[in-house]
Amino acid sequence: MCVRVEKVAASLVPEFLSRKKTIACMDEEHPRIDANINNRSDLRQILHLDGLSKKNKVIQLAS
């Protein structure tokens, strides 16, 4: 899967901002488009974070 760095960055920044409750300003300045990666699962696959995500879930369930 060949994904451009710009698309990944355009997905990571809104994800971070939404967790910090500051996404509204970015939505005004840079509205989301269909070319953006809007699915967390897709983003995990692109960044090869599936293994870490599974380990994190196991740790959370054990707590």
PDB file of N, CA and C in Angstrom:
ATOM      1  N   MET A   1       0.854  -1.171   0.000  1.00  0.00           N
ATOM      2  CA  MET A   1       0.000   0.000   0.000  1.00  0.00           C
ATOM      3  C   MET A   1       0.901   1.235   0.000  1.00  0.00           C
ATOM      4  N   CYS A   2       0.799   2.033  -1.018  1.00  0.00           N
ATOM      5  CA  CYS A   2       1.615   3.239  -1.140  1.00  0.00           C
ATOM      6  C   CYS A   2       0.769   4.455  -0.755  1.00  0.00           C
ATOM      7  N   VAL A   3       1.120   5.061   0.351  1.00  0.00           N
ATOM      8  CA  VAL A   3       0.375   6.215   0.845  1.00  0.00           C
ATOM      9  C   VAL A   3       1.344   7.369   0.997  1.00  0.00           C
ATOM     10  N   ARG A   4       0.930   8.518   0.554  1.00  0.00           N
ATOM     11  CA  ARG A   4       1.793   9.695   0.639  1.00  0.00           C
ATOM     12  C   ARG A   4       1.888  10.202   2.070  1.00  0.00           C
ATOM     13  N   VAL A   5       3.039  10.747   2.387  1.00  0.00           N
ATOM     14  CA  VAL A   5       3.294  11.273   3.727  1.00  0.00           C
ATOM     15  C   VAL A   5       2.278  12.342   4.092  1.00  0.00           C
ATOM     16  N   GLU A   6       1.886  13.150   3.125  1.00  0.00           N
ATOM     17  CA  GLU A   6       0.931  14.225   3.392  1.00  0.00           C
ATOM     18  C   GLU A   6      -0.404  13.663   3.879  1.00  0.00           C
ATOM     19  N   LYS A   7      -0.831  12.550   3.285  1.00  0.00           N
ATOM     20  CA  LYS A   7      -2.104  11.944   3.693  1.00  0.00           C
ATOM     21  C   LYS A   7      -2.023  11.412   5.118  1.00  0.00           C
ATOM     22  N   VAL A   8      -0.906  10.785   5.443  1.00  0.00           N
ATOM     23  CA  VAL A   8      -0.742  10.251   6.790  1.00  0.00           C
ATOM     24  C   VAL A   8      -0.706  11.389   7.802  1.00  0.00           C
ATOM     25  N   ALA A   9       0.054  12.435   7.497  1.00  0.00           N
ATOM     26  CA  ALA A   9       0.134  13.588   8.401  1.00  0.00           C
ATOM     27  C   ALA A   9      -1.226  14.249   8.552  1.00  0.00           C
ATOM     28  N   ALA A  10      -1.955  14.357   7.449  1.00  0.00           N
ATOM     29  CA  ALA A  10      -3.277  14.978   7.488  1.00  0.00           C
ATOM     30  C   ALA A  10      -4.256  14.142   8.308  1.00  0.00           C
ATOM     31  N   SER A  11      -3.932  12.892   8.560  1.00  0.00           N
ATOM     32  CA  SER A  11      -4.775  12.037   9.392  1.00  0.00           C
ATOM     33  C   SER A  11      -4.330  12.038  10.844  1.00  0.00           C
ATOM     34  N   LEU A  12      -3.022  12.082  11.058  1.00  0.00           N
ATOM     35  CA  LEU A  12      -2.505  12.040  12.428  1.00  0.00           C
ATOM     36  C   LEU A  12      -2.815  13.309  13.208  1.00  0.00           C
ATOM     37  N   VAL A  13      -2.668  14.443  12.574  1.00  0.00           N
ATOM     38  CA  VAL A  13      -2.889  15.714  13.277  1.00  0.00           C
ATOM     39  C   VAL A  13      -4.333  15.839  13.756  1.00  0.00           C
ATOM     40  N   PRO A  14      -5.335  15.617  12.912  1.00  0.00           N
ATOM     41  CA  PRO A  14      -6.715  15.693  13.414  1.00  0.00           C
ATOM     42  C   PRO A  14      -7.005  14.663  14.511  1.00  0.00           C
ATOM     43  N   GLU A  15      -6.407  13.486  14.403  1.00  0.00           N
ATOM     44  CA  GLU A  15      -6.602  12.466  15.441  1.00  0.00           C
ATOM     45  C   GLU A  15      -6.091  12.982  16.779  1.00  0.00           C
ATOM     46  N   PHE A  16      -4.914  13.572  16.788  1.00  0.00           N
ATOM     47  CA  PHE A  16      -4.345  14.137  18.009  1.00  0.00           C
ATOM     48  C   PHE A  16      -5.208  15.282  18.529  1.00  0.00           C
ATOM     49  N   LEU A  17      -5.594  16.181  17.636  1.00  0.00           N
ATOM     50  CA  LEU A  17      -6.372  17.345  18.058  1.00  0.00           C
ATOM     51  C   LEU A  17      -7.752  16.957  18.577  1.00  0.00           C
ATOM     52  N   SER A  18      -8.355  15.941  17.999  1.00  0.00           N
ATOM     53  CA  SER A  18      -9.682  15.532  18.471  1.00  0.00           C
ATOM     54  C   SER A  18      -9.592  14.977  19.885  1.00  0.00           C
ATOM     55  N   ARG A  19      -8.496  14.325  20.205  1.00  0.00           N
ATOM     56  CA  ARG A  19      -8.308  13.821  21.569  1.00  0.00           C
ATOM     57  C   ARG A  19      -8.086  14.962  22.548  1.00  0.00           C
ATOM     58  N   LYS A  20      -7.543  16.067  22.067  1.00  0.00           N
ATOM     59  CA  LYS A  20      -7.292  17.230  22.920  1.00  0.00           C
ATOM     60  C   LYS A  20      -8.453  18.225  22.884  1.00  0.00           C
ATOM     61  N   LYS A  21      -9.513  17.893  22.147  1.00  0.00           N
ATOM     62  CA  LYS A  21     -10.712  18.737  22.030  1.00  0.00           C
ATOM     63  C   LYS A  21     -10.421  20.093  21.382  1.00  0.00           C
ATOM     64  N   THR A  22      -9.466  20.139  20.456  1.00  0.00           N
ATOM     65  CA  THR A  22      -9.114  21.394  19.786  1.00  0.00           C
ATOM     66  C   THR A  22      -9.227  21.273  18.271  1.00  0.00           C
ATOM     67  N   ILE A  23     -10.043  20.361  17.803  1.00  0.00           N
ATOM     68  CA  ILE A  23     -10.136  20.072  16.375  1.00  0.00           C
ATOM     69  C   ILE A  23     -10.903  21.137  15.592  1.00  0.00           C
ATOM     70  N   ALA A  24     -11.774  21.892  16.223  1.00  0.00           N
ATOM     71  CA  ALA A  24     -12.642  22.843  15.514  1.00  0.00           C
ATOM     72  C   ALA A  24     -11.849  23.851  14.694  1.00  0.00           C
ATOM     73  N   CYS A  25     -10.771  24.367  15.243  1.00  0.00           N
ATOM     74  CA  CYS A  25      -9.957  25.359  14.539  1.00  0.00           C
ATOM     75  C   CYS A  25      -9.347  24.755  13.272  1.00  0.00           C
ATOM     76  N   MET A  26      -8.833  23.536  13.371  1.00  0.00           N
ATOM     77  CA  MET A  26      -8.240  22.908  12.190  1.00  0.00           C
ATOM     78  C   MET A  26      -9.301  22.599  11.146  1.00  0.00           C
ATOM     79  N   ASP A  27     -10.479  22.185  11.584  1.00  0.00           N
ATOM     80  CA  ASP A  27     -11.556  21.905  10.635  1.00  0.00           C
ATOM     81  C   ASP A  27     -11.915  23.145   9.824  1.00  0.00           C
ATOM     82  N   GLU A  28     -11.831  24.314  10.445  1.00  0.00           N
ATOM     83  CA  GLU A  28     -12.106  25.560   9.720  1.00  0.00           C
ATOM     84  C   GLU A  28     -10.990  25.879   8.727  1.00  0.00           C
ATOM     85  N   GLU A  29      -9.741  25.737   9.164  1.00  0.00           N
ATOM     86  CA  GLU A  29      -8.602  26.104   8.327  1.00  0.00           C
ATOM     87  C   GLU A  29      -8.297  25.073   7.244  1.00  0.00           C
ATOM     88  N   HIS A  30      -8.473  23.795   7.565  1.00  0.00           N
ATOM     89  CA  HIS A  30      -8.172  22.708   6.628  1.00  0.00           C
ATOM     90  C   HIS A  30      -9.296  21.677   6.670  1.00  0.00           C
ATOM     91  N   PRO A  31     -10.386  21.942   5.961  1.00  0.00           N
ATOM     92  CA  PRO A  31     -11.507  20.995   5.986  1.00  0.00           C
ATOM     93  C   PRO A  31     -11.072  19.612   5.492  1.00  0.00           C
ATOM     94  N   ARG A  32     -11.674  18.608   6.048  1.00  0.00           N
ATOM     95  CA  ARG A  32     -11.353  17.235   5.645  1.00  0.00           C
ATOM     96  C   ARG A  32     -11.916  16.959   4.261  1.00  0.00           C
ATOM     97  N   ILE A  33     -11.150  16.190   3.489  1.00  0.00           N
ATOM     98  CA  ILE A  33     -11.583  15.823   2.141  1.00  0.00           C
ATOM     99  C   ILE A  33     -11.595  14.304   2.027  1.00  0.00           C
ATOM    100  N   ASP A  34     -12.171  13.797   0.956  1.00  0.00           N
ATOM    101  CA  ASP A  34     -12.274  12.349   0.769  1.00  0.00           C
ATOM    102  C   ASP A  34     -10.911  11.674   0.667  1.00  0.00           C
ATOM    103  N   ALA A  35      -9.892  12.403   0.235  1.00  0.00           N
ATOM    104  CA  ALA A  35      -8.558  11.822   0.091  1.00  0.00           C
ATOM    105  C   ALA A  35      -7.890  11.559   1.436  1.00  0.00           C
ATOM    106  N   ASN A  36      -8.397  12.170   2.506  1.00  0.00           N
ATOM    107  CA  ASN A  36      -7.823  11.956   3.834  1.00  0.00           C
ATOM    108  C   ASN A  36      -8.124  10.544   4.325  1.00  0.00           C
ATOM    109  N   ILE A  37      -7.282  10.058   5.193  1.00  0.00           N
ATOM    110  CA  ILE A  37      -7.503   8.765   5.831  1.00  0.00           C
ATOM    111  C   ILE A  37      -8.344   9.040   7.072  1.00  0.00           C
ATOM    112  N   ASN A  38      -9.586   8.602   7.053  1.00  0.00           N
ATOM    113  CA  ASN A  38     -10.509   8.923   8.138  1.00  0.00           C
ATOM    114  C   ASN A  38     -10.761   7.752   9.076  1.00  0.00           C
ATOM    115  N   ASN A  39     -10.190   6.611   8.785  1.00  0.00           N
ATOM    116  CA  ASN A  39     -10.447   5.414   9.561  1.00  0.00           C
ATOM    117  C   ASN A  39      -9.215   5.080  10.401  1.00  0.00           C
ATOM    118  N   ARG A  40      -9.385   4.958  11.712  1.00  0.00           N
ATOM    119  CA  ARG A  40      -8.251   4.654  12.598  1.00  0.00           C
ATOM    120  C   ARG A  40      -7.612   3.318  12.254  1.00  0.00           C
ATOM    121  N   SER A  41      -8.424   2.363  11.881  1.00  0.00           N
ATOM    122  CA  SER A  41      -7.907   1.042  11.528  1.00  0.00           C
ATOM    123  C   SER A  41      -6.990   1.133  10.307  1.00  0.00           C
ATOM    124  N   ASP A  42      -7.408   1.883   9.301  1.00  0.00           N
ATOM    125  CA  ASP A  42      -6.572   2.077   8.111  1.00  0.00           C
ATOM    126  C   ASP A  42      -5.265   2.763   8.475  1.00  0.00           C
ATOM    127  N   LEU A  43      -5.336   3.747   9.341  1.00  0.00           N
ATOM    128  CA  LEU A  43      -4.147   4.485   9.764  1.00  0.00           C
ATOM    129  C   LEU A  43      -3.178   3.560  10.511  1.00  0.00           C
ATOM    130  N   ARG A  44      -3.704   2.694  11.387  1.00  0.00           N
ATOM    131  CA  ARG A  44      -2.852   1.724  12.090  1.00  0.00           C
ATOM    132  C   ARG A  44      -2.140   0.806  11.109  1.00  0.00           C
ATOM    133  N   GLN A  45      -2.848   0.350  10.080  1.00  0.00           N
ATOM    134  CA  GLN A  45      -2.244  -0.541   9.090  1.00  0.00           C
ATOM    135  C   GLN A  45      -1.159   0.172   8.293  1.00  0.00           C
ATOM    136  N   ILE A  46      -1.427   1.387   7.878  1.00  0.00           N
ATOM    137  CA  ILE A  46      -0.464   2.154   7.087  1.00  0.00           C
ATOM    138  C   ILE A  46       0.813   2.401   7.874  1.00  0.00           C
ATOM    139  N   LEU A  47       0.671   2.677   9.166  1.00  0.00           N
ATOM    140  CA  LEU A  47       1.828   2.969  10.017  1.00  0.00           C
ATOM    141  C   LEU A  47       2.424   1.706  10.653  1.00  0.00           C
ATOM    142  N   HIS A  48       1.879   0.541  10.297  1.00  0.00           N
ATOM    143  CA  HIS A  48       2.365  -0.745  10.813  1.00  0.00           C
ATOM    144  C   HIS A  48       2.327  -0.782  12.343  1.00  0.00           C
ATOM    145  N   LEU A  49       1.210  -0.362  12.907  1.00  0.00           N
ATOM    146  CA  LEU A  49       1.038  -0.331  14.359  1.00  0.00           C
ATOM    147  C   LEU A  49       0.073  -1.403  14.866  1.00  0.00           C
ATOM    148  N   ASP A  50      -0.303  -2.338  14.011  1.00  0.00           N
ATOM    149  CA  ASP A  50      -1.275  -3.356  14.415  1.00  0.00           C
ATOM    150  C   ASP A  50      -0.782  -4.187  15.595  1.00  0.00           C
ATOM    151  N   GLY A  51       0.473  -4.609  15.553  1.00  0.00           N
ATOM    152  CA  GLY A  51       1.026  -5.421  16.638  1.00  0.00           C
ATOM    153  C   GLY A  51       1.028  -4.682  17.959  1.00  0.00           C
ATOM    154  N   LEU A  52       1.444  -3.428  17.934  1.00  0.00           N
ATOM    155  CA  LEU A  52       1.458  -2.626  19.159  1.00  0.00           C
ATOM    156  C   LEU A  52       0.050  -2.387  19.680  1.00  0.00           C
ATOM    157  N   SER A  53      -0.878  -2.191  18.772  1.00  0.00           N
ATOM    158  CA  SER A  53      -2.266  -1.968  19.172  1.00  0.00           C
ATOM    159  C   SER A  53      -2.829  -3.203  19.876  1.00  0.00           C
ATOM    160  N   LYS A  54      -2.519  -4.382  19.346  1.00  0.00           N
ATOM    161  CA  LYS A  54      -2.994  -5.624  19.967  1.00  0.00           C
ATOM    162  C   LYS A  54      -2.373  -5.811  21.349  1.00  0.00           C
ATOM    163  N   LYS A  55      -1.066  -5.532  21.473  1.00  0.00           N
ATOM    164  CA  LYS A  55      -0.402  -5.641  22.780  1.00  0.00           C
ATOM    165  C   LYS A  55      -1.031  -4.681  23.783  1.00  0.00           C
ATOM    166  N   ASN A  56      -1.337  -3.476  23.337  1.00  0.00           N
ATOM    167  CA  ASN A  56      -1.944  -2.475  24.212  1.00  0.00           C
ATOM    168  C   ASN A  56      -3.314  -2.938  24.701  1.00  0.00           C
ATOM    169  N   LYS A  57      -4.099  -3.540  23.823  1.00  0.00           N
ATOM    170  CA  LYS A  57      -5.418  -4.035  24.217  1.00  0.00           C
ATOM    171  C   LYS A  57      -5.293  -5.139  25.267  1.00  0.00           C
ATOM    172  N   VAL A  58      -4.317  -6.033  25.093  1.00  0.00           N
ATOM    173  CA  VAL A  58      -4.111  -7.113  26.057  1.00  0.00           C
ATOM    174  C   VAL A  58      -3.739  -6.533  27.415  1.00  0.00           C
ATOM    175  N   ILE A  59      -2.861  -5.547  27.417  1.00  0.00           N
ATOM    176  CA  ILE A  59      -2.448  -4.908  28.671  1.00  0.00           C
ATOM    177  C   ILE A  59      -3.637  -4.231  29.343  1.00  0.00           C
ATOM    178  N   GLN A  60      -4.459  -3.537  28.553  1.00  0.00           N
ATOM    179  CA  GLN A  60      -5.618  -2.850  29.115  1.00  0.00           C
ATOM    180  C   GLN A  60      -6.622  -3.840  29.689  1.00  0.00           C
ATOM    181  N   LEU A  61      -6.814  -4.970  29.024  1.00  0.00           N
ATOM    182  CA  LEU A  61      -7.755  -5.972  29.519  1.00  0.00           C
ATOM    183  C   LEU A  61      -7.244  -6.638  30.792  1.00  0.00           C
ATOM    184  N   ALA A  62      -5.929  -6.753  30.916  1.00  0.00           N
ATOM    185  CA  ALA A  62      -5.342  -7.381  32.101  1.00  0.00           C
ATOM    186  C   ALA A  62      -5.411  -6.468  33.323  1.00  0.00           C
ATOM    187  N   SER A  63      -5.534  -5.177  33.092  1.00  0.00           N
ATOM    188  CA  SER A  63      -5.549  -4.212  34.214  1.00  0.00           C
ATOM    189  C   SER A  63      -6.867  -4.201  34.939  1.00  0.00           C
TER     190      SER A  63
END
